[in-house]
Amino acid sequence: MPRPKKCRKVCCLPKVNEFLPTQRSASNQDVVIVTVDEYEAIRLIDNEGFSQEECSGYMNIARTTVQQIYENARKKIARTLVEGLPLKIEGGDYQLCNGEEDYCGCGGCRKHRHGCMRQEIEENTK
């Protein structure tokens, strides 16, 4: 019996969850689905500059799991670009961050930046 999947922590859902090529052939009906946790791995590693180890700490999963998620996401994105396919971001095993953690694992995402800084100041003054 396989181990149950652990939910990955995601800071927020993407602002845009669907991308369509401008020159789309009528016969091409494939849509590539990138899961929300794959999107989060791409966002953290490629956009925010996290290492895979930092990303794993933030998402509360093993580094090897992040590596697999990241690799799958990159392959899907490459396929959409090369084949001119539409891309949707949906589904996956994730849990949205509620903003109530004592420490923000990403070190200062927009949602937590002030809370994290406030906690660091409080800890330093004690």
C-alpha atoms as a PDB file:
ATOM      1  CA  MET A   1       0.000   0.000   0.000  1.00  0.00           C
ATOM      2  CA  PRO A   2       1.593   3.324  -1.041  1.00  0.00           C
ATOM      3  CA  ARG A   3       2.152   6.106   1.414  1.00  0.00           C
ATOM      4  CA  PRO A   4      -0.494   8.844   1.358  1.00  0.00           C
ATOM      5  CA  LYS A   5       0.601  12.014  -0.409  1.00  0.00           C
ATOM      6  CA  LYS A   6       1.535  14.871   1.867  1.00  0.00           C
ATOM      7  CA  CYS A   7      -0.124  18.194   1.056  1.00  0.00           C
ATOM      8  CA  ARG A   8       2.318  20.790  -0.208  1.00  0.00           C
ATOM      9  CA  LYS A   9       2.150  24.269   1.294  1.00  0.00           C
ATOM     10  CA  VAL A  10       1.353  26.917  -1.320  1.00  0.00           C
ATOM     11  CA  CYS A  11       1.476  30.641  -0.539  1.00  0.00           C
ATOM     12  CA  CYS A  12      -1.287  31.690  -2.931  1.00  0.00           C
ATOM     13  CA  LEU A  13      -3.090  30.582  -6.064  1.00  0.00           C
ATOM     14  CA  PRO A  14      -1.879  31.970  -9.404  1.00  0.00           C
ATOM     15  CA  LYS A  15      -3.444  35.227 -10.587  1.00  0.00           C
ATOM     16  CA  VAL A  16      -3.892  33.736 -14.053  1.00  0.00           C
ATOM     17  CA  ASN A  17      -4.590  30.025 -14.376  1.00  0.00           C
ATOM     18  CA  GLU A  18      -4.938  29.604 -18.136  1.00  0.00           C
ATOM     19  CA  PHE A  19      -2.629  30.462 -21.030  1.00  0.00           C
ATOM     20  CA  LEU A  20      -3.599  30.113 -24.673  1.00  0.00           C
ATOM     21  CA  PRO A  21      -1.362  30.416 -27.735  1.00  0.00           C
ATOM     22  CA  THR A  22      -2.442  33.135 -30.171  1.00  0.00           C
ATOM     23  CA  GLN A  23      -1.991  30.873 -33.212  1.00  0.00           C
ATOM     24  CA  ARG A  24      -3.847  27.721 -32.263  1.00  0.00           C
ATOM     25  CA  SER A  25      -4.771  25.079 -34.826  1.00  0.00           C
ATOM     26  CA  ALA A  26      -8.380  23.898 -34.745  1.00  0.00           C
ATOM     27  CA  SER A  27      -7.358  20.216 -34.713  1.00  0.00           C
ATOM     28  CA  ASN A  28      -5.208  20.599 -31.611  1.00  0.00           C
ATOM     29  CA  GLN A  29      -7.427  19.864 -28.580  1.00  0.00           C
ATOM     30  CA  ASP A  30      -4.728  18.893 -26.055  1.00  0.00           C
ATOM     31  CA  VAL A  31      -4.484  21.012 -22.917  1.00  0.00           C
ATOM     32  CA  VAL A  32      -1.463  20.683 -20.646  1.00  0.00           C
ATOM     33  CA  ILE A  33      -2.363  20.721 -16.945  1.00  0.00           C
ATOM     34  CA  VAL A  34       0.190  22.054 -14.458  1.00  0.00           C
ATOM     35  CA  THR A  35      -0.837  21.406 -10.871  1.00  0.00           C
ATOM     36  CA  VAL A  36      -0.844  24.183  -8.284  1.00  0.00           C
ATOM     37  CA  ASP A  37       2.070  22.582  -6.416  1.00  0.00           C
ATOM     38  CA  GLU A  38       4.067  22.391  -9.679  1.00  0.00           C
ATOM     39  CA  TYR A  39       3.287  26.062 -10.270  1.00  0.00           C
ATOM     40  CA  GLU A  40       4.474  26.896  -6.733  1.00  0.00           C
ATOM     41  CA  ALA A  41       7.768  25.043  -7.283  1.00  0.00           C
ATOM     42  CA  ILE A  42       8.360  26.985 -10.535  1.00  0.00           C
ATOM     43  CA  ARG A  43       7.411  30.254  -8.814  1.00  0.00           C
ATOM     44  CA  LEU A  44       9.714  29.697  -5.855  1.00  0.00           C
ATOM     45  CA  ILE A  45      12.727  28.315  -7.738  1.00  0.00           C
ATOM     46  CA  ASP A  46      12.663  30.261 -11.015  1.00  0.00           C
ATOM     47  CA  ASN A  47      10.895  33.475 -10.011  1.00  0.00           C
ATOM     48  CA  GLU A  48      11.901  33.930  -6.364  1.00  0.00           C
ATOM     49  CA  GLY A  49      15.384  32.382  -6.703  1.00  0.00           C
ATOM     50  CA  PHE A  50      14.989  29.698  -4.035  1.00  0.00           C
ATOM     51  CA  SER A  51      17.223  26.653  -4.077  1.00  0.00           C
ATOM     52  CA  GLN A  52      15.457  23.296  -4.210  1.00  0.00           C
ATOM     53  CA  GLU A  53      16.336  22.812  -0.540  1.00  0.00           C
ATOM     54  CA  GLU A  54      14.817  26.168   0.450  1.00  0.00           C
ATOM     55  CA  CYS A  55      11.752  25.389  -1.658  1.00  0.00           C
ATOM     56  CA  SER A  56      11.317  22.038   0.078  1.00  0.00           C
ATOM     57  CA  GLY A  57      11.472  23.703   3.485  1.00  0.00           C
ATOM     58  CA  TYR A  58       8.851  26.225   2.474  1.00  0.00           C
ATOM     59  CA  MET A  59       6.501  23.659   0.931  1.00  0.00           C
ATOM     60  CA  ASN A  60       7.012  21.215   3.847  1.00  0.00           C
ATOM     61  CA  ILE A  61       8.141  18.329   1.644  1.00  0.00           C
ATOM     62  CA  ALA A  62      11.393  16.478   0.919  1.00  0.00           C
ATOM     63  CA  ARG A  63      13.965  18.008  -1.439  1.00  0.00           C
ATOM     64  CA  THR A  64      13.721  14.943  -3.706  1.00  0.00           C
ATOM     65  CA  THR A  65       9.962  15.515  -3.969  1.00  0.00           C
ATOM     66  CA  VAL A  66      10.556  19.141  -4.942  1.00  0.00           C
ATOM     67  CA  GLN A  67      13.040  17.953  -7.555  1.00  0.00           C
ATOM     68  CA  GLN A  68      10.410  15.617  -9.081  1.00  0.00           C
ATOM     69  CA  ILE A  69       7.665  18.250  -8.981  1.00  0.00           C
ATOM     70  CA  TYR A  70       9.954  20.872 -10.541  1.00  0.00           C
ATOM     71  CA  GLU A  71      11.136  18.517 -13.290  1.00  0.00           C
ATOM     72  CA  ASN A  72       7.555  17.521 -14.184  1.00  0.00           C
ATOM     73  CA  ALA A  73       6.487  21.167 -14.317  1.00  0.00           C
ATOM     74  CA  ARG A  74       9.399  22.138 -16.582  1.00  0.00           C
ATOM     75  CA  LYS A  75       8.606  19.290 -19.002  1.00  0.00           C
ATOM     76  CA  LYS A  76       4.962  20.367 -19.186  1.00  0.00           C
ATOM     77  CA  ILE A  77       5.863  24.008 -19.763  1.00  0.00           C
ATOM     78  CA  ALA A  78       8.380  23.042 -22.449  1.00  0.00           C
ATOM     79  CA  ARG A  79       5.712  20.946 -24.185  1.00  0.00           C
ATOM     80  CA  THR A  80       3.290  23.877 -24.240  1.00  0.00           C
ATOM     81  CA  LEU A  81       5.918  26.154 -25.770  1.00  0.00           C
ATOM     82  CA  VAL A  82       7.244  23.700 -28.352  1.00  0.00           C
ATOM     83  CA  GLU A  83       3.880  22.305 -29.451  1.00  0.00           C
ATOM     84  CA  GLY A  84       1.884  25.531 -29.025  1.00  0.00           C
ATOM     85  CA  LEU A  85      -0.578  23.960 -26.597  1.00  0.00           C
ATOM     86  CA  PRO A  86      -2.854  25.697 -24.099  1.00  0.00           C
ATOM     87  CA  LEU A  87      -1.826  25.457 -20.452  1.00  0.00           C
ATOM     88  CA  LYS A  88      -4.052  25.344 -17.358  1.00  0.00           C
ATOM     89  CA  ILE A  89      -3.000  25.508 -13.717  1.00  0.00           C
ATOM     90  CA  GLU A  90      -5.313  23.455 -11.526  1.00  0.00           C
ATOM     91  CA  GLY A  91      -5.505  20.587  -9.044  1.00  0.00           C
ATOM     92  CA  GLY A  92      -2.757  18.840  -7.152  1.00  0.00           C
ATOM     93  CA  ASP A  93      -2.123  17.978  -3.505  1.00  0.00           C
ATOM     94  CA  TYR A  94      -1.695  21.333  -1.827  1.00  0.00           C
ATOM     95  CA  GLN A  95      -2.786  23.371   1.149  1.00  0.00           C
ATOM     96  CA  LEU A  96      -3.022  27.145   0.935  1.00  0.00           C
ATOM     97  CA  CYS A  97      -1.008  29.104   3.457  1.00  0.00           C
ATOM     98  CA  ASN A  98      -3.387  30.859   5.845  1.00  0.00           C
ATOM     99  CA  GLY A  99      -0.945  33.575   6.925  1.00  0.00           C
ATOM    100  CA  GLU A 100      -1.041  32.541  10.568  1.00  0.00           C
ATOM    101  CA  GLU A 101       2.262  30.680  10.821  1.00  0.00           C
ATOM    102  CA  ASP A 102       4.731  31.903  13.445  1.00  0.00           C
ATOM    103  CA  TYR A 103       7.471  31.883  10.822  1.00  0.00           C
ATOM    104  CA  CYS A 104       7.085  32.321   7.111  1.00  0.00           C
ATOM    105  CA  GLY A 105       9.045  29.517   5.446  1.00  0.00           C
ATOM    106  CA  CYS A 106       9.778  31.579   2.351  1.00  0.00           C
ATOM    107  CA  GLY A 107      11.521  34.241   4.414  1.00  0.00           C
ATOM    108  CA  GLY A 108       9.213  37.045   3.435  1.00  0.00           C
ATOM    109  CA  CYS A 109       6.533  36.452   0.839  1.00  0.00           C
ATOM    110  CA  ARG A 110       4.235  39.446   0.356  1.00  0.00           C
ATOM    111  CA  LYS A 111       1.541  37.855   2.474  1.00  0.00           C
ATOM    112  CA  HIS A 112       3.888  37.377   5.441  1.00  0.00           C
ATOM    113  CA  ARG A 113       6.618  39.980   5.003  1.00  0.00           C
ATOM    114  CA  HIS A 114       5.418  42.332   7.734  1.00  0.00           C
ATOM    115  CA  GLY A 115       4.525  39.514  10.117  1.00  0.00           C
ATOM    116  CA  CYS A 116       7.941  37.878   9.685  1.00  0.00           C
ATOM    117  CA  MET A 117       9.808  41.140  10.183  1.00  0.00           C
ATOM    118  CA  ARG A 118       7.659  41.944  13.212  1.00  0.00           C
ATOM    119  CA  GLN A 119       8.446  38.548  14.767  1.00  0.00           C
ATOM    120  CA  GLU A 120      12.191  38.948  14.102  1.00  0.00           C
ATOM    121  CA  ILE A 121      12.147  42.384  15.771  1.00  0.00           C
ATOM    122  CA  GLU A 122      10.241  40.986  18.762  1.00  0.00           C
ATOM    123  CA  GLU A 123      12.712  38.096  19.104  1.00  0.00           C
ATOM    124  CA  ASN A 124      15.725  40.418  18.850  1.00  0.00           C
ATOM    125  CA  THR A 125      14.380  42.772  21.528  1.00  0.00           C
ATOM    126  CA  LYS A 126      13.868  39.971  24.071  1.00  0.00           C
END
